[in-house]
Amino acid sequence: MIPHLDRAREPALRARLDAQAKPPGALGRIEDLAVQLALISGSERPKADKAVLMVFAGDHGLTASGVAAYPSSVTQAMVATLLAGRASANAFAAAVGADLLVVDAGVAAELPEHPTLIRAKVAPGTRDASVEPALTPAEVETALGRGVALARAVAKDFDILAMGEMGIGNSASAALILHRLAAAPLQDCVGLGAGHDADGFARKQAVLARAAARSAATAPLDVLAEFGGLEITMMAGAILGAAEAKRPVIIDGFIAGAAALAAVRLSPAVADYCVFAHRSAERGHALMLEALKAKPLLDLDLRLGEGTGALLALPMVRAAARLIADVASLDDVMSGRI
């Protein structure tokens, strides 16, 4: 069972920040973030130097019904691009000094060996959720378990875990997860995804309406089974595992948010360990953040995924950790003790 953070320590942490050589509260939400990091770590000097982005990849049977503007083969191509170091997430990871790992949760292809590839495939993609459950209960359990185990292992070497994804069709799956776990109207959850035109968007809406009508699932494990996907489910497990390991976990945008929503519905205290990177331009993300009671750090009209928004938020997380650990007190400044 993941415990809530011990808020009894918060007043002392706030007092530490207020005593620093700056006006109390002058750094706004960065101070809130500093307190969160200190509570997660159990220390007034939280570590934030070593960070890793975990990009979970998987394919979706829903693409067969036309919910995506691109074929499933693009998932494999983009995974290859990530492994080659040439994707947007690679560029951002290099810019902010983060490692990057790609996790094959359910890509519909055999991927070649690579030093930054983690083989965790549960199945070669999901089934078409518009006609049948995307996953079996056993596949959900396996994906969650592998995600938990991966995060626990990675947390031994890293101070911060960030979550990203790659999977053609996964905005459709995320929209269905949001619809059921937030009890939000489906039409408010479905966005353009990766570049639909008007006809494609209408088709996506119709397919997801059929999928939603097929099942009345609302419990988180049932929702994941009915609507997938493997990368979302494994990412939900990784978020749970990061919280168990007492590591802050940076949540990217709409797809990673769906994984976080599932993880929080499974274990509400997980929300204490999540840092929400940004407000996505994808329709439905505002509803998702509201359901999670989350305030994102950035609002840059991003909608790429891959963990790009999480990486852009990483310097702010590191700055918050440095704030509470390194800044001198006003008393020290005035007495010349620095």
Protein backbone atom coordinates (compact mmCIF):
# COMPACT_ATOMS: atom_id res chain seq x y z
CA MET A 1 0.00 0.00 0.00
CA ILE A 2 1.43 3.38 -1.01
CA PRO A 3 1.22 5.85 1.90
CA HIS A 4 0.23 9.48 1.57
CA LEU A 5 3.04 11.92 2.22
CA ASP A 6 3.47 12.88 5.87
CA ARG A 7 2.12 16.43 5.88
CA ALA A 8 3.13 16.88 9.52
CA ARG A 9 6.58 17.91 8.23
CA GLU A 10 5.19 20.60 5.93
CA PRO A 11 5.10 23.54 8.40
CA ALA A 12 8.81 23.10 9.20
CA LEU A 13 9.66 22.96 5.49
CA ARG A 14 7.60 26.07 4.80
CA ALA A 15 9.35 27.83 7.67
CA ARG A 16 12.73 26.86 6.18
CA LEU A 17 11.73 28.41 2.85
CA ASP A 18 10.27 31.52 4.50
CA ALA A 19 13.53 32.06 6.39
CA GLN A 20 15.62 32.11 3.22
CA ALA A 21 17.20 35.21 1.72
CA LYS A 22 14.11 36.21 -0.23
CA PRO A 23 10.61 37.46 0.61
CA PRO A 24 8.41 34.65 1.97
CA GLY A 25 6.47 33.00 -0.85
CA ALA A 26 8.26 35.05 -3.50
CA LEU A 27 8.94 31.96 -5.65
CA GLY A 28 5.30 30.94 -5.68
CA ARG A 29 4.57 27.42 -6.89
CA ILE A 30 8.26 26.56 -7.08
CA GLU A 31 8.17 26.69 -3.30
CA ASP A 32 5.20 24.30 -3.29
CA LEU A 33 7.18 21.98 -5.54
CA ALA A 34 10.22 22.23 -3.25
CA VAL A 35 8.07 21.17 -0.29
CA GLN A 36 6.64 18.25 -2.29
CA LEU A 37 10.12 17.04 -3.23
CA ALA A 38 11.32 17.29 0.36
CA LEU A 39 8.29 15.35 1.60
CA ILE A 40 8.82 12.63 -1.02
CA SER A 41 12.50 12.24 -0.21
CA GLY A 42 12.14 12.61 3.54
CA SER A 43 14.98 15.12 3.47
CA GLU A 44 15.48 18.88 3.42
CA ARG A 45 18.01 18.22 0.65
CA PRO A 46 16.10 16.25 -1.98
CA LYS A 47 18.25 14.89 -4.79
CA ALA A 48 17.27 15.79 -8.35
CA ASP A 49 20.46 15.49 -10.38
CA LYS A 50 19.93 12.11 -12.04
CA ALA A 51 16.77 11.93 -14.12
CA VAL A 52 15.48 9.46 -16.68
CA LEU A 53 12.63 9.58 -19.16
CA MET A 54 10.93 6.23 -19.69
CA VAL A 55 9.11 6.14 -23.04
CA PHE A 56 6.56 3.31 -23.08
CA ALA A 57 5.64 2.08 -26.57
CA GLY A 58 2.71 0.01 -27.77
CA ASP A 59 0.28 -0.47 -30.64
CA HIS A 60 -3.51 -0.30 -30.60
CA GLY A 61 -6.06 -2.49 -32.34
CA LEU A 62 -8.33 0.55 -32.56
CA THR A 63 -6.20 1.82 -35.44
CA ALA A 64 -7.76 -0.86 -37.63
CA SER A 65 -11.05 1.03 -37.29
CA GLY A 66 -9.55 4.35 -38.34
CA VAL A 67 -9.04 6.27 -35.08
CA ALA A 68 -5.57 7.47 -36.11
CA ALA A 69 -4.27 9.57 -38.98
CA TYR A 70 -1.26 7.24 -39.33
CA PRO A 71 -0.88 3.44 -39.60
CA SER A 72 0.42 1.34 -36.72
CA SER A 73 3.72 0.89 -38.55
CA VAL A 74 4.60 4.45 -37.54
CA THR A 75 4.93 3.28 -33.92
CA GLN A 76 7.80 0.98 -34.87
CA ALA A 77 9.37 3.69 -37.05
CA MET A 78 9.25 6.25 -34.24
CA VAL A 79 10.64 3.76 -31.73
CA ALA A 80 13.54 3.23 -34.13
CA THR A 81 13.98 7.00 -34.28
CA LEU A 82 14.03 7.25 -30.49
CA LEU A 83 16.61 4.46 -30.28
CA ALA A 84 18.70 6.21 -32.93
CA GLY A 85 18.69 9.37 -30.81
CA ARG A 86 16.94 11.49 -33.42
CA ALA A 87 13.43 12.09 -32.02
CA SER A 88 12.20 15.27 -30.32
CA ALA A 89 12.43 13.55 -26.94
CA ASN A 90 16.10 12.75 -27.55
CA ALA A 91 16.84 16.38 -28.38
CA PHE A 92 15.08 17.61 -25.25
CA ALA A 93 16.68 14.93 -23.05
CA ALA A 94 20.11 16.04 -24.24
CA ALA A 95 19.20 19.67 -23.64
CA VAL A 96 18.19 19.10 -20.00
CA GLY A 97 20.67 16.36 -19.12
CA ALA A 98 18.33 13.38 -18.75
CA ASP A 99 18.79 9.76 -19.72
CA LEU A 100 16.20 8.13 -21.97
CA LEU A 101 14.96 4.55 -21.97
CA VAL A 102 12.45 3.05 -24.41
CA VAL A 103 10.17 0.33 -23.03
CA ASP A 104 8.57 -2.08 -25.51
CA ALA A 105 5.28 -2.70 -23.73
CA GLY A 106 3.37 -3.90 -26.79
CA VAL A 107 4.81 -2.86 -30.14
CA ALA A 108 3.42 -4.96 -33.01
CA ALA A 109 6.91 -5.82 -34.28
CA GLU A 110 10.10 -7.46 -33.08
CA LEU A 111 12.58 -4.74 -32.20
CA PRO A 112 16.34 -5.21 -32.55
CA GLU A 113 18.60 -5.21 -29.52
CA HIS A 114 19.64 -1.76 -28.31
CA PRO A 115 21.33 -0.54 -25.11
CA THR A 116 18.46 1.82 -24.26
CA LEU A 117 15.64 -0.59 -25.15
CA ILE A 118 13.87 -2.48 -22.36
CA ARG A 119 12.06 -5.56 -23.59
CA ALA A 120 8.84 -5.89 -21.60
CA LYS A 121 6.37 -6.80 -24.35
CA VAL A 122 3.13 -8.31 -23.06
CA ALA A 123 1.56 -8.79 -26.51
CA PRO A 124 2.08 -7.39 -30.03
CA GLY A 125 -0.50 -4.65 -29.58
CA THR A 126 -4.03 -4.65 -28.24
CA ARG A 127 -7.27 -5.87 -29.78
CA ASP A 128 -9.76 -3.49 -31.40
CA ALA A 129 -11.64 -2.03 -28.43
CA SER A 130 -14.54 -1.02 -30.68
CA VAL A 131 -15.48 -4.69 -31.13
CA GLU A 132 -13.97 -6.53 -28.13
CA PRO A 133 -11.93 -5.92 -24.97
CA ALA A 134 -8.51 -4.53 -25.82
CA LEU A 135 -6.76 -6.62 -23.18
CA THR A 136 -7.47 -9.65 -21.03
CA PRO A 137 -7.44 -9.26 -17.24
CA ALA A 138 -4.23 -11.33 -17.20
CA GLU A 139 -2.57 -8.97 -19.69
CA VAL A 140 -3.55 -5.98 -17.57
CA GLU A 141 -2.09 -7.61 -14.47
CA THR A 142 1.12 -8.51 -16.32
CA ALA A 143 1.56 -5.03 -17.79
CA LEU A 144 0.96 -3.33 -14.44
CA GLY A 145 3.34 -5.70 -12.67
CA ARG A 146 6.10 -5.20 -15.22
CA GLY A 147 5.69 -1.44 -14.95
CA VAL A 148 5.99 -1.55 -11.17
CA ALA A 149 9.08 -3.76 -11.35
CA LEU A 150 10.73 -1.58 -13.99
CA ALA A 151 10.24 1.61 -11.99
CA ARG A 152 11.57 0.00 -8.82
CA ALA A 153 14.68 -1.13 -10.69
CA VAL A 154 15.24 2.20 -12.44
CA ALA A 155 14.71 4.14 -9.21
CA LYS A 156 17.86 2.55 -7.79
CA ASP A 157 19.92 4.62 -10.24
CA PHE A 158 17.85 7.78 -10.69
CA ASP A 159 16.46 10.53 -8.47
CA ILE A 160 13.60 11.50 -10.80
CA LEU A 161 11.51 9.39 -13.17
CA ALA A 162 9.66 11.02 -16.05
CA MET A 163 6.94 9.30 -18.07
CA GLY A 164 6.39 9.44 -21.84
CA GLU A 165 4.86 7.27 -24.54
CA MET A 166 4.78 6.34 -28.19
CA GLY A 167 1.87 4.54 -29.80
CA ILE A 168 -0.27 5.31 -32.81
CA GLY A 169 -3.90 5.35 -31.67
CA ASN A 170 -3.15 5.92 -28.01
CA SER A 171 -5.03 9.23 -27.77
CA ALA A 172 -8.17 7.21 -28.56
CA SER A 173 -7.48 4.78 -25.75
CA ALA A 174 -6.66 7.65 -23.38
CA ALA A 175 -9.93 9.40 -24.26
CA LEU A 176 -11.92 6.29 -23.35
CA ILE A 177 -10.00 5.92 -20.08
CA LEU A 178 -10.71 9.56 -19.22
CA HIS A 179 -14.38 9.14 -20.15
CA ARG A 180 -14.82 6.29 -17.68
CA LEU A 181 -12.42 7.12 -14.84
CA ALA A 182 -13.44 10.79 -14.69
CA ALA A 183 -17.10 10.18 -15.59
CA ALA A 184 -16.73 12.85 -18.27
CA PRO A 185 -18.88 13.05 -21.44
CA LEU A 186 -17.12 11.18 -24.24
CA GLN A 187 -17.42 14.07 -26.69
CA ASP A 188 -15.43 16.25 -24.28
CA CYS A 189 -12.64 13.65 -24.06
CA VAL A 190 -11.89 13.05 -27.75
CA GLY A 191 -9.34 15.26 -29.49
CA LEU A 192 -7.59 15.41 -32.82
CA GLY A 193 -4.67 13.27 -31.72
CA ALA A 194 -1.80 13.22 -34.22
CA GLY A 195 -3.22 15.44 -36.91
CA HIS A 196 -6.72 14.33 -37.96
CA ASP A 197 -8.63 16.34 -40.53
CA ALA A 198 -12.37 16.94 -40.08
CA ASP A 199 -13.38 13.63 -41.69
CA GLY A 200 -10.82 11.70 -39.66
CA PHE A 201 -11.95 13.32 -36.44
CA ALA A 202 -15.58 12.44 -37.15
CA ARG A 203 -14.54 8.85 -37.82
CA LYS A 204 -12.57 8.73 -34.58
CA GLN A 205 -15.55 10.03 -32.61
CA ALA A 206 -17.86 7.41 -34.15
CA VAL A 207 -15.45 4.54 -33.46
CA LEU A 208 -14.96 5.59 -29.84
CA ALA A 209 -18.72 5.93 -29.37
CA ARG A 210 -19.05 2.29 -30.50
CA ALA A 211 -16.29 1.25 -28.11
CA ALA A 212 -17.89 3.08 -25.19
CA ALA A 213 -21.31 1.59 -25.96
CA ARG A 214 -19.84 -1.92 -25.95
CA SER A 215 -18.85 -1.85 -22.25
CA ALA A 216 -20.09 -0.12 -19.10
CA ALA A 217 -16.78 -0.63 -17.24
CA THR A 218 -15.87 2.02 -14.65
CA ALA A 219 -13.47 0.20 -12.26
CA PRO A 220 -9.86 1.03 -13.20
CA LEU A 221 -8.67 -2.52 -13.94
CA ASP A 222 -11.80 -3.18 -16.00
CA VAL A 223 -11.40 0.11 -17.90
CA LEU A 224 -7.79 -0.73 -18.77
CA ALA A 225 -8.86 -4.18 -19.97
CA GLU A 226 -11.72 -2.86 -22.09
CA PHE A 227 -9.90 0.05 -23.70
CA GLY A 228 -6.11 -0.56 -23.37
CA GLY A 229 -3.40 0.11 -24.18
CA LEU A 230 -0.35 -1.81 -23.09
CA GLU A 231 1.93 1.23 -22.93
CA ILE A 232 -0.65 3.15 -20.88
CA THR A 233 -1.18 0.22 -18.51
CA MET A 234 2.53 -0.45 -18.06
CA MET A 235 3.13 3.27 -17.52
CA ALA A 236 0.43 3.24 -14.82
CA GLY A 237 2.36 0.44 -13.16
CA ALA A 238 5.59 2.43 -13.43
CA ILE A 239 3.92 5.42 -11.77
CA LEU A 240 2.85 3.13 -8.93
CA GLY A 241 6.39 1.73 -8.73
CA ALA A 242 7.96 5.18 -8.65
CA ALA A 243 5.73 6.17 -5.76
CA GLU A 244 6.58 2.96 -3.91
CA ALA A 245 10.27 3.79 -4.39
CA LYS A 246 9.65 7.34 -3.06
CA ARG A 247 10.69 9.04 -6.27
CA PRO A 248 9.01 12.08 -7.81
CA VAL A 249 7.47 11.10 -11.13
CA ILE A 250 6.97 13.74 -13.82
CA ILE A 251 3.81 13.14 -15.87
CA ASP A 252 3.86 14.35 -19.47
CA GLY A 253 0.60 15.15 -21.28
CA PHE A 254 -2.70 13.55 -22.22
CA ILE A 255 -1.58 9.94 -22.67
CA ALA A 256 0.71 9.87 -19.65
CA GLY A 257 -2.09 11.62 -17.78
CA ALA A 258 -4.43 8.72 -18.56
CA ALA A 259 -1.87 6.37 -17.03
CA ALA A 260 -1.61 8.61 -13.98
CA LEU A 261 -5.39 8.73 -13.66
CA ALA A 262 -5.54 4.93 -13.69
CA ALA A 263 -2.71 4.73 -11.13
CA VAL A 264 -4.40 7.26 -8.83
CA ARG A 265 -7.72 5.43 -9.08
CA LEU A 266 -5.90 2.24 -8.07
CA SER A 267 -3.97 3.93 -5.23
CA PRO A 268 -5.02 7.51 -4.41
CA ALA A 269 -1.81 8.38 -2.53
CA VAL A 270 0.11 8.10 -5.82
CA ALA A 271 -1.02 11.65 -6.63
CA ASP A 272 1.26 12.94 -3.87
CA TYR A 273 4.32 11.75 -5.83
CA CYS A 274 3.27 13.11 -9.25
CA VAL A 275 4.50 16.34 -10.80
CA PHE A 276 2.29 17.31 -13.74
CA ALA A 277 4.47 18.85 -16.41
CA HIS A 278 2.13 20.79 -18.66
CA ARG A 279 -1.38 21.45 -19.91
CA SER A 280 -1.64 19.77 -23.30
CA ALA A 281 -3.39 21.31 -26.28
CA GLU A 282 -5.17 17.96 -26.73
CA ARG A 283 -8.88 18.22 -26.07
CA GLY A 284 -9.78 16.56 -22.81
CA HIS A 285 -6.53 17.23 -21.00
CA ALA A 286 -8.03 20.05 -18.94
CA LEU A 287 -10.73 17.62 -17.78
CA MET A 288 -8.05 15.06 -16.97
CA LEU A 289 -6.07 17.53 -14.87
CA GLU A 290 -9.28 18.53 -13.09
CA ALA A 291 -10.04 14.87 -12.32
CA LEU A 292 -6.53 14.52 -10.91
CA LYS A 293 -6.77 17.80 -8.97
CA ALA A 294 -3.50 18.71 -10.65
CA LYS A 295 -1.88 22.06 -11.44
CA PRO A 296 0.58 21.66 -14.33
CA LEU A 297 3.83 23.61 -14.35
CA LEU A 298 3.72 24.72 -18.00
CA ASP A 299 1.20 25.68 -20.66
CA LEU A 300 2.94 25.73 -24.05
CA ASP A 301 0.30 24.29 -26.43
CA LEU A 302 2.23 21.02 -26.62
CA ARG A 303 0.57 17.87 -27.97
CA LEU A 304 3.41 15.66 -29.20
CA GLY A 305 3.85 13.21 -26.38
CA GLU A 306 7.09 11.19 -26.16
CA GLY A 307 7.66 12.78 -22.75
CA THR A 308 8.72 16.07 -24.33
CA GLY A 309 6.68 18.17 -21.91
CA ALA A 310 8.00 16.20 -18.94
CA LEU A 311 11.55 16.94 -20.05
CA LEU A 312 10.83 20.65 -20.40
CA ALA A 313 9.51 20.66 -16.81
CA LEU A 314 12.59 18.85 -15.46
CA PRO A 315 14.73 22.00 -14.95
CA MET A 316 11.96 23.48 -12.82
CA VAL A 317 11.91 20.36 -10.66
CA ARG A 318 15.68 20.50 -10.26
CA ALA A 319 15.49 24.21 -9.42
CA ALA A 320 12.92 23.51 -6.70
CA ALA A 321 15.16 20.86 -5.17
CA ARG A 322 18.12 23.25 -5.20
CA LEU A 323 15.99 26.00 -3.69
CA ILE A 324 15.17 24.15 -0.50
CA ALA A 325 18.60 22.55 -0.23
CA ASP A 326 21.04 25.35 -1.09
CA VAL A 327 19.66 28.84 -0.53
CA ALA A 328 21.05 30.66 2.50
CA SER A 329 18.83 31.93 5.27
CA LEU A 330 18.30 35.66 5.66
CA ASP A 331 19.87 35.47 9.13
CA ASP A 332 23.03 33.96 7.66
CA VAL A 333 23.17 36.64 4.99
CA MET A 334 22.71 39.51 7.45
CA SER A 335 25.21 38.10 9.94
CA GLY A 336 27.84 37.41 7.31
CA ARG A 337 27.93 33.68 7.98
CA ILE A 338 27.73 32.69 4.31
